[in-house]
């Protein structure tokens, strides 16, 4: 059992850009590069293992062979999907269903997600919820008349912001935002509006209004202004809880010299490197240590029951577990 450096899968959605290549070292022969699925066992994009015993395997195959690597809290499959997102242009206005609807009608999980803003160009914003309570007829009329924006809650975006997007929330990442996303393992999206854009073949992308209204929370949006977050300082690092929900916990770790933690039997953990470079050491057989280097843009999967880990270097990480 050892840490696994993962190779992501890229997505060339029309709203993407080039920053994941130029700033995060993603060597992928596609443009635009909108998303990289860094830790995924979803059939629409499965990450694979780069190092060690399972080099060349998909993470899905590894976890199928060794389900105990998920830990005791997971129910037979990796419950999360971790992404980088580069929104060169506005994403569609969309909604994701909850678990019950998605499993019944889509045979997938629902999709609750969180965003950590890595960078944002001046004036960047996002949509999160409605500006006021709405009805289905109001929404239909607004989409038909091109006035949906009047119904939506739009907020400015800045580097370091965190947003939690429960399933059923209408939302859209705006142009100029670079985001790390942690979500349920799902690829179900219902587009409500897409600015009448066309794809590479000149066709408008499909909308899913009739499905969307079945899962939308049509009440006015919650207060999405950023709340102060508690940062805990330790010798060699700081730790900051960004999000805790029923699906995942996400911490931001700033390492100035070293950081030690344990991966217990209840859950795997995932490290997403946002800045810098570092090395993780884990104890194997008594007295034997293994080391794995990683850097900005890399993602590492840590199997449940891996035990004590120690990271040295200077880096900023997101640490995720279920």
C-alpha atoms as a PDB file:
ATOM      1  CA  UNK A   1       0.000   0.000   0.000  1.00  0.00           C
ATOM      2  CA  UNK A   2       1.421   3.379  -1.041  1.00  0.00           C
ATOM      3  CA  UNK A   3       0.411   6.902  -2.150  1.00  0.00           C
ATOM      4  CA  UNK A   4      -0.675   7.008  -5.794  1.00  0.00           C
ATOM      5  CA  UNK A   5       0.163   9.939  -8.050  1.00  0.00           C
ATOM      6  CA  UNK A   6      -2.735  10.313 -10.478  1.00  0.00           C
ATOM      7  CA  UNK A   7      -2.890  11.193 -14.172  1.00  0.00           C
ATOM      8  CA  UNK A   8      -5.999  13.264 -14.965  1.00  0.00           C
ATOM      9  CA  UNK A   9      -8.440  13.242 -17.867  1.00  0.00           C
ATOM     10  CA  UNK A  10      -9.086  16.490 -19.764  1.00  0.00           C
ATOM     11  CA  UNK A  11     -12.333  18.003 -21.092  1.00  0.00           C
ATOM     12  CA  UNK A  12     -12.443  20.469 -23.998  1.00  0.00           C
ATOM     13  CA  UNK A  13     -15.756  22.190 -23.271  1.00  0.00           C
ATOM     14  CA  UNK A  14     -16.231  25.328 -25.363  1.00  0.00           C
ATOM     15  CA  UNK A  15     -15.956  27.745 -22.415  1.00  0.00           C
ATOM     16  CA  UNK A  16     -12.437  26.618 -21.391  1.00  0.00           C
ATOM     17  CA  UNK A  17      -9.077  28.273 -21.882  1.00  0.00           C
ATOM     18  CA  UNK A  18      -5.354  27.513 -21.606  1.00  0.00           C
ATOM     19  CA  UNK A  19      -4.419  28.276 -17.979  1.00  0.00           C
ATOM     20  CA  UNK A  20      -4.446  24.655 -16.865  1.00  0.00           C
ATOM     21  CA  UNK A  21      -1.668  24.060 -19.398  1.00  0.00           C
ATOM     22  CA  UNK A  22       0.363  27.206 -18.837  1.00  0.00           C
ATOM     23  CA  UNK A  23       0.000  27.475 -15.052  1.00  0.00           C
ATOM     24  CA  UNK A  24      -0.689  23.932 -13.860  1.00  0.00           C
ATOM     25  CA  UNK A  25       1.455  21.899 -16.240  1.00  0.00           C
ATOM     26  CA  UNK A  26      -1.318  19.900 -17.895  1.00  0.00           C
ATOM     27  CA  UNK A  27       0.206  18.346 -21.011  1.00  0.00           C
ATOM     28  CA  UNK A  28      -2.904  17.547 -22.992  1.00  0.00           C
ATOM     29  CA  UNK A  29      -3.419  17.791 -26.717  1.00  0.00           C
ATOM     30  CA  UNK A  30      -6.713  19.641 -26.636  1.00  0.00           C
ATOM     31  CA  UNK A  31      -7.902  23.220 -26.852  1.00  0.00           C
ATOM     32  CA  UNK A  32      -9.659  24.675 -25.124  1.00  0.00           C
ATOM     33  CA  UNK A  33      -8.822  22.790 -21.924  1.00  0.00           C
ATOM     34  CA  UNK A  34     -11.789  23.497 -19.672  1.00  0.00           C
ATOM     35  CA  UNK A  35     -11.454  20.868 -16.942  1.00  0.00           C
ATOM     36  CA  UNK A  36      -9.077  18.217 -15.701  1.00  0.00           C
ATOM     37  CA  UNK A  37     -10.623  15.400 -13.685  1.00  0.00           C
ATOM     38  CA  UNK A  38      -7.796  14.830 -11.240  1.00  0.00           C
ATOM     39  CA  UNK A  39      -9.237  12.113  -9.007  1.00  0.00           C
ATOM     40  CA  UNK A  40     -12.065  10.266 -10.698  1.00  0.00           C
ATOM     41  CA  UNK A  41     -13.455   6.782 -11.168  1.00  0.00           C
ATOM     42  CA  UNK A  42     -16.473   8.061 -13.126  1.00  0.00           C
ATOM     43  CA  UNK A  43     -17.004   6.259 -16.471  1.00  0.00           C
ATOM     44  CA  UNK A  44     -17.005   9.613 -18.300  1.00  0.00           C
ATOM     45  CA  UNK A  45     -13.396  10.254 -17.259  1.00  0.00           C
ATOM     46  CA  UNK A  46     -11.227   7.953 -15.176  1.00  0.00           C
ATOM     47  CA  UNK A  47      -7.901   9.070 -13.747  1.00  0.00           C
ATOM     48  CA  UNK A  48      -5.045   6.570 -13.768  1.00  0.00           C
ATOM     49  CA  UNK A  49      -2.052   5.790 -11.560  1.00  0.00           C
ATOM     50  CA  UNK A  50       1.422   7.026 -12.531  1.00  0.00           C
ATOM     51  CA  UNK A  51       3.714   5.387  -9.989  1.00  0.00           C
ATOM     52  CA  UNK A  52       4.410   2.181  -8.121  1.00  0.00           C
ATOM     53  CA  UNK A  53       2.732  -1.199  -8.186  1.00  0.00           C
ATOM     54  CA  UNK A  54      -0.351   0.035 -10.035  1.00  0.00           C
ATOM     55  CA  UNK A  55       1.322   2.253 -12.655  1.00  0.00           C
ATOM     56  CA  UNK A  56      -0.881   2.302 -15.759  1.00  0.00           C
ATOM     57  CA  UNK A  57      -3.999   1.078 -13.955  1.00  0.00           C
ATOM     58  CA  UNK A  58      -7.115   3.230 -13.757  1.00  0.00           C
ATOM     59  CA  UNK A  59      -7.979   4.243 -10.222  1.00  0.00           C
ATOM     60  CA  UNK A  60     -11.325   2.526 -10.788  1.00  0.00           C
ATOM     61  CA  UNK A  61      -9.555  -0.793 -11.438  1.00  0.00           C
ATOM     62  CA  UNK A  62      -7.333  -0.393  -8.380  1.00  0.00           C
ATOM     63  CA  UNK A  63     -10.306   0.260  -6.109  1.00  0.00           C
ATOM     64  CA  UNK A  64     -12.247  -2.572  -7.718  1.00  0.00           C
ATOM     65  CA  UNK A  65      -9.381  -4.923  -6.858  1.00  0.00           C
ATOM     66  CA  UNK A  66      -8.829  -3.467  -3.382  1.00  0.00           C
ATOM     67  CA  UNK A  67     -12.117  -1.924  -2.164  1.00  0.00           C
ATOM     68  CA  UNK A  68     -10.674  -1.635   1.341  1.00  0.00           C
ATOM     69  CA  UNK A  69      -8.578   1.279   0.017  1.00  0.00           C
ATOM     70  CA  UNK A  70     -11.786   3.363   0.107  1.00  0.00           C
ATOM     71  CA  UNK A  71     -12.245   2.903   3.845  1.00  0.00           C
ATOM     72  CA  UNK A  72     -15.207   1.887   5.940  1.00  0.00           C
ATOM     73  CA  UNK A  73     -17.300   5.011   5.258  1.00  0.00           C
ATOM     74  CA  UNK A  74     -17.524   4.600   1.464  1.00  0.00           C
ATOM     75  CA  UNK A  75     -20.240   2.397  -0.023  1.00  0.00           C
ATOM     76  CA  UNK A  76     -18.444   0.370  -2.680  1.00  0.00           C
ATOM     77  CA  UNK A  77     -17.268   3.214  -4.945  1.00  0.00           C
ATOM     78  CA  UNK A  78     -15.229   6.387  -4.788  1.00  0.00           C
ATOM     79  CA  UNK A  79     -17.837   8.924  -3.638  1.00  0.00           C
ATOM     80  CA  UNK A  80     -16.075  12.080  -4.848  1.00  0.00           C
ATOM     81  CA  UNK A  81     -14.629  13.643  -8.000  1.00  0.00           C
ATOM     82  CA  UNK A  82     -11.882  16.293  -7.822  1.00  0.00           C
ATOM     83  CA  UNK A  83     -11.348  18.794 -10.675  1.00  0.00           C
ATOM     84  CA  UNK A  84      -9.510  21.857 -11.846  1.00  0.00           C
ATOM     85  CA  UNK A  85     -11.733  24.241 -13.853  1.00  0.00           C
ATOM     86  CA  UNK A  86     -10.596  27.097 -16.115  1.00  0.00           C
ATOM     87  CA  UNK A  87     -13.553  29.307 -17.077  1.00  0.00           C
ATOM     88  CA  UNK A  88     -12.223  31.472 -19.906  1.00  0.00           C
ATOM     89  CA  UNK A  89     -15.885  32.124 -20.761  1.00  0.00           C
ATOM     90  CA  UNK A  90     -19.111  31.880 -18.759  1.00  0.00           C
ATOM     91  CA  UNK A  91     -20.354  28.393 -17.997  1.00  0.00           C
ATOM     92  CA  UNK A  92     -23.987  27.617 -18.752  1.00  0.00           C
ATOM     93  CA  UNK A  93     -26.614  28.462 -16.130  1.00  0.00           C
ATOM     94  CA  UNK A  94     -27.326  25.017 -14.717  1.00  0.00           C
ATOM     95  CA  UNK A  95     -28.477  22.830 -11.868  1.00  0.00           C
ATOM     96  CA  UNK A  96     -27.586  19.369 -10.586  1.00  0.00           C
ATOM     97  CA  UNK A  97     -30.157  16.964  -9.110  1.00  0.00           C
ATOM     98  CA  UNK A  98     -29.996  15.464  -5.647  1.00  0.00           C
ATOM     99  CA  UNK A  99     -29.238  11.820  -4.982  1.00  0.00           C
ATOM    100  CA  UNK A 100     -32.790  10.477  -4.995  1.00  0.00           C
ATOM    101  CA  UNK A 101     -33.762  12.002  -8.346  1.00  0.00           C
ATOM    102  CA  UNK A 102     -30.404  11.284 -10.008  1.00  0.00           C
ATOM    103  CA  UNK A 103     -30.309   7.656  -8.910  1.00  0.00           C
ATOM    104  CA  UNK A 104     -33.910   7.088  -9.993  1.00  0.00           C
ATOM    105  CA  UNK A 105     -33.787   8.768 -13.393  1.00  0.00           C
ATOM    106  CA  UNK A 106     -30.083   8.982 -14.326  1.00  0.00           C
ATOM    107  CA  UNK A 107     -28.600   5.956 -12.517  1.00  0.00           C
ATOM    108  CA  UNK A 108     -25.916   8.220 -11.076  1.00  0.00           C
ATOM    109  CA  UNK A 109     -25.317  10.077  -7.842  1.00  0.00           C
ATOM    110  CA  UNK A 110     -26.631  13.558  -7.339  1.00  0.00           C
ATOM    111  CA  UNK A 111     -24.138  16.399  -7.377  1.00  0.00           C
ATOM    112  CA  UNK A 112     -23.437  18.601  -4.407  1.00  0.00           C
ATOM    113  CA  UNK A 113     -20.171  20.491  -4.888  1.00  0.00           C
ATOM    114  CA  UNK A 114     -17.811  23.105  -3.505  1.00  0.00           C
ATOM    115  CA  UNK A 115     -15.511  25.563  -5.246  1.00  0.00           C
ATOM    116  CA  UNK A 116     -12.224  26.955  -4.020  1.00  0.00           C
ATOM    117  CA  UNK A 117     -11.230  29.952  -6.156  1.00  0.00           C
ATOM    118  CA  UNK A 118      -7.579  29.676  -7.192  1.00  0.00           C
ATOM    119  CA  UNK A 119      -7.569  32.945  -9.100  1.00  0.00           C
ATOM    120  CA  UNK A 120     -10.042  35.428 -10.528  1.00  0.00           C
ATOM    121  CA  UNK A 121      -9.578  38.147 -13.107  1.00  0.00           C
ATOM    122  CA  UNK A 122     -10.844  41.642 -12.210  1.00  0.00           C
ATOM    123  CA  UNK A 123     -14.626  41.746 -12.469  1.00  0.00           C
ATOM    124  CA  UNK A 124     -15.090  37.972 -12.358  1.00  0.00           C
ATOM    125  CA  UNK A 125     -18.332  36.766 -10.808  1.00  0.00           C
ATOM    126  CA  UNK A 126     -20.544  33.735 -10.436  1.00  0.00           C
ATOM    127  CA  UNK A 127     -24.214  32.873 -10.160  1.00  0.00           C
ATOM    128  CA  UNK A 128     -25.448  31.097  -7.056  1.00  0.00           C
ATOM    129  CA  UNK A 129     -29.177  30.822  -6.412  1.00  0.00           C
ATOM    130  CA  UNK A 130     -32.087  33.102  -7.276  1.00  0.00           C
ATOM    131  CA  UNK A 131     -32.319  36.793  -6.390  1.00  0.00           C
ATOM    132  CA  UNK A 132     -35.890  36.189  -5.162  1.00  0.00           C
ATOM    133  CA  UNK A 133     -38.471  33.408  -5.079  1.00  0.00           C
ATOM    134  CA  UNK A 134     -39.531  32.336  -8.569  1.00  0.00           C
ATOM    135  CA  UNK A 135     -42.098  30.078 -10.206  1.00  0.00           C
ATOM    136  CA  UNK A 136     -41.764  27.715 -13.144  1.00  0.00           C
ATOM    137  CA  UNK A 137     -43.807  30.026 -15.364  1.00  0.00           C
ATOM    138  CA  UNK A 138     -41.600  32.996 -14.466  1.00  0.00           C
ATOM    139  CA  UNK A 139     -38.502  30.993 -15.334  1.00  0.00           C
ATOM    140  CA  UNK A 140     -39.900  29.806 -18.650  1.00  0.00           C
ATOM    141  CA  UNK A 141     -40.774  33.358 -19.625  1.00  0.00           C
ATOM    142  CA  UNK A 142     -37.369  34.678 -18.539  1.00  0.00           C
ATOM    143  CA  UNK A 143     -35.498  32.035 -20.550  1.00  0.00           C
ATOM    144  CA  UNK A 144     -37.728  32.614 -23.599  1.00  0.00           C
ATOM    145  CA  UNK A 145     -37.276  36.402 -23.430  1.00  0.00           C
ATOM    146  CA  UNK A 146     -33.545  36.290 -22.708  1.00  0.00           C
ATOM    147  CA  UNK A 147     -34.010  37.939 -19.309  1.00  0.00           C
ATOM    148  CA  UNK A 148     -33.005  35.131 -16.972  1.00  0.00           C
ATOM    149  CA  UNK A 149     -30.210  37.280 -15.503  1.00  0.00           C
ATOM    150  CA  UNK A 150     -32.818  39.409 -13.686  1.00  0.00           C
ATOM    151  CA  UNK A 151     -33.877  36.361 -11.683  1.00  0.00           C
ATOM    152  CA  UNK A 152     -30.397  35.267 -10.613  1.00  0.00           C
ATOM    153  CA  UNK A 153     -28.136  36.117  -7.683  1.00  0.00           C
ATOM    154  CA  UNK A 154     -24.707  37.160  -8.936  1.00  0.00           C
ATOM    155  CA  UNK A 155     -21.718  37.673  -6.637  1.00  0.00           C
ATOM    156  CA  UNK A 156     -18.177  38.907  -7.188  1.00  0.00           C
ATOM    157  CA  UNK A 157     -15.372  36.336  -7.042  1.00  0.00           C
ATOM    158  CA  UNK A 158     -11.918  36.764  -5.532  1.00  0.00           C
ATOM    159  CA  UNK A 159      -8.925  34.510  -5.030  1.00  0.00           C
ATOM    160  CA  UNK A 160      -9.378  32.373  -1.924  1.00  0.00           C
ATOM    161  CA  UNK A 161     -13.188  32.465  -1.913  1.00  0.00           C
ATOM    162  CA  UNK A 162     -15.065  29.277  -1.056  1.00  0.00           C
ATOM    163  CA  UNK A 163     -18.561  28.455  -2.285  1.00  0.00           C
ATOM    164  CA  UNK A 164     -20.737  25.499  -1.287  1.00  0.00           C
ATOM    165  CA  UNK A 165     -23.324  24.552  -3.915  1.00  0.00           C
ATOM    166  CA  UNK A 166     -25.936  22.055  -2.693  1.00  0.00           C
ATOM    167  CA  UNK A 167     -27.725  19.958  -5.293  1.00  0.00           C
ATOM    168  CA  UNK A 168     -30.789  21.838  -6.573  1.00  0.00           C
ATOM    169  CA  UNK A 169     -29.045  25.247  -6.585  1.00  0.00           C
ATOM    170  CA  UNK A 170     -29.033  27.151  -9.867  1.00  0.00           C
ATOM    171  CA  UNK A 171     -25.462  28.276 -10.541  1.00  0.00           C
ATOM    172  CA  UNK A 172     -22.759  29.155 -13.058  1.00  0.00           C
ATOM    173  CA  UNK A 173     -19.055  29.905 -12.822  1.00  0.00           C
ATOM    174  CA  UNK A 174     -18.339  33.178 -14.587  1.00  0.00           C
ATOM    175  CA  UNK A 175     -15.619  34.075 -17.068  1.00  0.00           C
ATOM    176  CA  UNK A 176     -12.199  34.695 -15.552  1.00  0.00           C
ATOM    177  CA  UNK A 177     -12.434  32.279 -12.617  1.00  0.00           C
ATOM    178  CA  UNK A 178      -9.937  29.466 -12.032  1.00  0.00           C
ATOM    179  CA  UNK A 179     -11.391  26.952  -9.597  1.00  0.00           C
ATOM    180  CA  UNK A 180     -10.686  23.712  -7.766  1.00  0.00           C
ATOM    181  CA  UNK A 181     -13.923  21.757  -7.467  1.00  0.00           C
ATOM    182  CA  UNK A 182     -14.750  18.907  -5.095  1.00  0.00           C
ATOM    183  CA  UNK A 183     -18.048  17.186  -5.801  1.00  0.00           C
ATOM    184  CA  UNK A 184     -19.985  13.984  -5.538  1.00  0.00           C
ATOM    185  CA  UNK A 185     -18.942  11.464  -8.186  1.00  0.00           C
ATOM    186  CA  UNK A 186     -21.514  12.382 -10.827  1.00  0.00           C
ATOM    187  CA  UNK A 187     -21.733  13.911 -14.279  1.00  0.00           C
ATOM    188  CA  UNK A 188     -25.395  14.921 -14.346  1.00  0.00           C
ATOM    189  CA  UNK A 189     -25.969  18.539 -15.372  1.00  0.00           C
ATOM    190  CA  UNK A 190     -29.230  20.141 -16.461  1.00  0.00           C
ATOM    191  CA  UNK A 191     -28.642  23.309 -18.496  1.00  0.00           C
ATOM    192  CA  UNK A 192     -31.218  26.022 -18.019  1.00  0.00           C
ATOM    193  CA  UNK A 193     -29.611  28.644 -20.295  1.00  0.00           C
ATOM    194  CA  UNK A 194     -26.485  28.690 -22.467  1.00  0.00           C
ATOM    195  CA  UNK A 195     -26.419  32.167 -24.073  1.00  0.00           C
ATOM    196  CA  UNK A 196     -27.509  30.665 -27.443  1.00  0.00           C
ATOM    197  CA  UNK A 197     -23.938  29.455 -28.017  1.00  0.00           C
ATOM    198  CA  UNK A 198     -23.056  26.914 -30.677  1.00  0.00           C
ATOM    199  CA  UNK A 199     -20.571  24.034 -30.557  1.00  0.00           C
ATOM    200  CA  UNK A 200     -17.803  23.166 -33.058  1.00  0.00           C
ATOM    201  CA  UNK A 201     -20.418  21.879 -35.482  1.00  0.00           C
ATOM    202  CA  UNK A 202     -22.504  25.041 -35.261  1.00  0.00           C
ATOM    203  CA  UNK A 203     -25.251  23.435 -33.171  1.00  0.00           C
ATOM    204  CA  UNK A 204     -26.716  24.912 -30.018  1.00  0.00           C
ATOM    205  CA  UNK A 205     -26.017  22.828 -26.942  1.00  0.00           C
ATOM    206  CA  UNK A 206     -29.025  20.989 -25.562  1.00  0.00           C
ATOM    207  CA  UNK A 207     -31.008  22.530 -22.727  1.00  0.00           C
ATOM    208  CA  UNK A 208     -32.804  20.490 -20.069  1.00  0.00           C
ATOM    209  CA  UNK A 209     -35.409  22.896 -18.714  1.00  0.00           C
ATOM    210  CA  UNK A 210     -38.131  20.318 -18.081  1.00  0.00           C
ATOM    211  CA  UNK A 211     -35.786  18.209 -15.958  1.00  0.00           C
ATOM    212  CA  UNK A 212     -34.264  21.243 -14.271  1.00  0.00           C
ATOM    213  CA  UNK A 213     -37.560  22.534 -12.887  1.00  0.00           C
ATOM    214  CA  UNK A 214     -38.157  19.170 -11.211  1.00  0.00           C
ATOM    215  CA  UNK A 215     -35.011  19.561  -9.078  1.00  0.00           C
ATOM    216  CA  UNK A 216     -34.519  23.333  -8.730  1.00  0.00           C
ATOM    217  CA  UNK A 217     -34.745  25.079  -5.386  1.00  0.00           C
ATOM    218  CA  UNK A 218     -36.834  28.084  -6.480  1.00  0.00           C
ATOM    219  CA  UNK A 219     -36.545  30.004  -3.219  1.00  0.00           C
ATOM    220  CA  UNK A 220     -34.301  33.052  -3.014  1.00  0.00           C
ATOM    221  CA  UNK A 221     -30.628  32.204  -2.692  1.00  0.00           C
ATOM    222  CA  UNK A 222     -28.858  31.922   0.616  1.00  0.00           C
ATOM    223  CA  UNK A 223     -26.315  34.508   1.741  1.00  0.00           C
ATOM    224  CA  UNK A 224     -23.176  33.458  -0.132  1.00  0.00           C
ATOM    225  CA  UNK A 225     -20.914  36.174   1.239  1.00  0.00           C
ATOM    226  CA  UNK A 226     -17.703  34.715   2.622  1.00  0.00           C
ATOM    227  CA  UNK A 227     -17.611  34.025   6.343  1.00  0.00           C
ATOM    228  CA  UNK A 228     -14.364  34.397   8.340  1.00  0.00           C
ATOM    229  CA  UNK A 229     -12.512  31.069   8.456  1.00  0.00           C
ATOM    230  CA  UNK A 230     -10.451  29.844  11.382  1.00  0.00           C
ATOM    231  CA  UNK A 231      -6.808  29.146  10.544  1.00  0.00           C
ATOM    232  CA  UNK A 232      -4.878  26.936  12.961  1.00  0.00           C
ATOM    233  CA  UNK A 233      -1.105  27.406  13.032  1.00  0.00           C
ATOM    234  CA  UNK A 234       1.372  24.643  13.843  1.00  0.00           C
ATOM    235  CA  UNK A 235       5.170  24.333  13.589  1.00  0.00           C
ATOM    236  CA  UNK A 236       5.798  23.927   9.861  1.00  0.00           C
ATOM    237  CA  UNK A 237       2.240  24.395   8.574  1.00  0.00           C
ATOM    238  CA  UNK A 238      -1.225  25.903   8.928  1.00  0.00           C
ATOM    239  CA  UNK A 239      -4.593  24.196   8.528  1.00  0.00           C
ATOM    240  CA  UNK A 240      -7.937  25.696   7.537  1.00  0.00           C
ATOM    241  CA  UNK A 241     -11.258  23.846   7.195  1.00  0.00           C
ATOM    242  CA  UNK A 242     -12.934  25.069   4.004  1.00  0.00           C
ATOM    243  CA  UNK A 243     -15.981  22.820   3.816  1.00  0.00           C
ATOM    244  CA  UNK A 244     -17.609  19.984   5.733  1.00  0.00           C
ATOM    245  CA  UNK A 245     -20.740  18.285   4.432  1.00  0.00           C
ATOM    246  CA  UNK A 246     -22.213  14.789   4.357  1.00  0.00           C
ATOM    247  CA  UNK A 247     -20.170  13.905   1.259  1.00  0.00           C
ATOM    248  CA  UNK A 248     -16.685  15.287   1.951  1.00  0.00           C
ATOM    249  CA  UNK A 249     -14.432  17.366   4.184  1.00  0.00           C
ATOM    250  CA  UNK A 250     -11.957  19.747   2.565  1.00  0.00           C
ATOM    251  CA  UNK A 251      -9.017  21.403   4.308  1.00  0.00           C
ATOM    252  CA  UNK A 252      -6.516  23.907   2.979  1.00  0.00           C
ATOM    253  CA  UNK A 253      -2.982  23.151   4.170  1.00  0.00           C
ATOM    254  CA  UNK A 254      -0.124  25.663   3.879  1.00  0.00           C
ATOM    255  CA  UNK A 255       3.188  23.867   4.396  1.00  0.00           C
ATOM    256  CA  UNK A 256       6.235  25.992   5.215  1.00  0.00           C
ATOM    257  CA  UNK A 257       8.488  23.097   6.203  1.00  0.00           C
ATOM    258  CA  UNK A 258       6.607  19.989   7.312  1.00  0.00           C
ATOM    259  CA  UNK A 259       3.174  18.489   8.036  1.00  0.00           C
ATOM    260  CA  UNK A 260       2.297  15.132   9.618  1.00  0.00           C
ATOM    261  CA  UNK A 261      -1.086  13.401   9.643  1.00  0.00           C
ATOM    262  CA  UNK A 262      -2.612   9.931   9.601  1.00  0.00           C
ATOM    263  CA  UNK A 263      -4.817   8.156   7.068  1.00  0.00           C
ATOM    264  CA  UNK A 264      -7.072   5.892   9.108  1.00  0.00           C
ATOM    265  CA  UNK A 265      -9.223   2.905   8.191  1.00  0.00           C
ATOM    266  CA  UNK A 266     -12.432   4.927   7.917  1.00  0.00           C
ATOM    267  CA  UNK A 267     -11.527   6.913   4.758  1.00  0.00           C
ATOM    268  CA  UNK A 268      -9.101   7.433   1.912  1.00  0.00           C
ATOM    269  CA  UNK A 269      -7.654  10.934   1.512  1.00  0.00           C
ATOM    270  CA  UNK A 270      -6.795  13.004  -1.577  1.00  0.00           C
ATOM    271  CA  UNK A 271      -4.111  15.697  -1.835  1.00  0.00           C
ATOM    272  CA  UNK A 272      -4.471  18.345  -4.543  1.00  0.00           C
ATOM    273  CA  UNK A 273      -1.363  20.542  -4.865  1.00  0.00           C
ATOM    274  CA  UNK A 274      -2.200  24.170  -5.646  1.00  0.00           C
ATOM    275  CA  UNK A 275       1.249  25.743  -5.271  1.00  0.00           C
ATOM    276  CA  UNK A 276       4.846  24.726  -4.638  1.00  0.00           C
ATOM    277  CA  UNK A 277       6.360  21.273  -4.405  1.00  0.00           C
ATOM    278  CA  UNK A 278       6.808  18.713  -1.663  1.00  0.00           C
ATOM    279  CA  UNK A 279       7.504  15.094  -0.810  1.00  0.00           C
ATOM    280  CA  UNK A 280       5.293  12.683   1.112  1.00  0.00           C
ATOM    281  CA  UNK A 281       6.831   9.885   3.154  1.00  0.00           C
ATOM    282  CA  UNK A 282       4.877   6.923   4.478  1.00  0.00           C
ATOM    283  CA  UNK A 283       5.918   4.053   6.691  1.00  0.00           C
ATOM    284  CA  UNK A 284       5.702   0.615   5.080  1.00  0.00           C
ATOM    285  CA  UNK A 285       7.187  -2.401   6.794  1.00  0.00           C
ATOM    286  CA  UNK A 286       8.729  -1.607  10.196  1.00  0.00           C
ATOM    287  CA  UNK A 287      11.635   0.769   9.650  1.00  0.00           C
ATOM    288  CA  UNK A 288      11.014   1.089   5.884  1.00  0.00           C
ATOM    289  CA  UNK A 289       9.881   4.396   4.401  1.00  0.00           C
ATOM    290  CA  UNK A 290       8.632   5.269   0.933  1.00  0.00           C
ATOM    291  CA  UNK A 291       8.736   8.760  -0.548  1.00  0.00           C
ATOM    292  CA  UNK A 292       6.751  10.330  -3.406  1.00  0.00           C
ATOM    293  CA  UNK A 293       7.432  13.792  -4.810  1.00  0.00           C
ATOM    294  CA  UNK A 294       4.682  16.018  -6.179  1.00  0.00           C
ATOM    295  CA  UNK A 295       4.261  19.616  -7.318  1.00  0.00           C
ATOM    296  CA  UNK A 296       1.754  22.275  -8.348  1.00  0.00           C
ATOM    297  CA  UNK A 297      -1.073  20.714 -10.334  1.00  0.00           C
ATOM    298  CA  UNK A 298      -0.523  17.161  -9.045  1.00  0.00           C
ATOM    299  CA  UNK A 299      -3.085  14.996  -7.293  1.00  0.00           C
ATOM    300  CA  UNK A 300      -2.265  12.122  -4.930  1.00  0.00           C
ATOM    301  CA  UNK A 301      -4.616   9.374  -3.687  1.00  0.00           C
ATOM    302  CA  UNK A 302      -3.904   7.978  -0.214  1.00  0.00           C
ATOM    303  CA  UNK A 303      -5.553   4.604   0.504  1.00  0.00           C
ATOM    304  CA  UNK A 304      -7.430   4.123   3.766  1.00  0.00           C
ATOM    305  CA  UNK A 305      -5.313   2.580   6.542  1.00  0.00           C
ATOM    306  CA  UNK A 306      -2.122   3.955   4.979  1.00  0.00           C
ATOM    307  CA  UNK A 307      -1.130   5.158   8.428  1.00  0.00           C
ATOM    308  CA  UNK A 308       1.228   7.942   9.395  1.00  0.00           C
ATOM    309  CA  UNK A 309       2.308  10.333   6.627  1.00  0.00           C
ATOM    310  CA  UNK A 310       4.809  13.182   6.690  1.00  0.00           C
ATOM    311  CA  UNK A 311       5.077  15.896   4.036  1.00  0.00           C
ATOM    312  CA  UNK A 312       8.157  18.082   3.689  1.00  0.00           C
ATOM    313  CA  UNK A 313       8.642  21.066   1.399  1.00  0.00           C
ATOM    314  CA  UNK A 314       6.822  24.316   0.701  1.00  0.00           C
ATOM    315  CA  UNK A 315       3.374  23.866  -0.786  1.00  0.00           C
ATOM    316  CA  UNK A 316      -0.309  24.734  -0.643  1.00  0.00           C
ATOM    317  CA  UNK A 317      -2.645  21.737  -0.663  1.00  0.00           C
ATOM    318  CA  UNK A 318      -6.275  20.824  -0.499  1.00  0.00           C
ATOM    319  CA  UNK A 319      -6.746  17.682   1.603  1.00  0.00           C
ATOM    320  CA  UNK A 320     -10.023  15.873   0.977  1.00  0.00           C
ATOM    321  CA  UNK A 321     -11.675  12.873   2.609  1.00  0.00           C
ATOM    322  CA  UNK A 322     -15.161  11.464   2.921  1.00  0.00           C
END
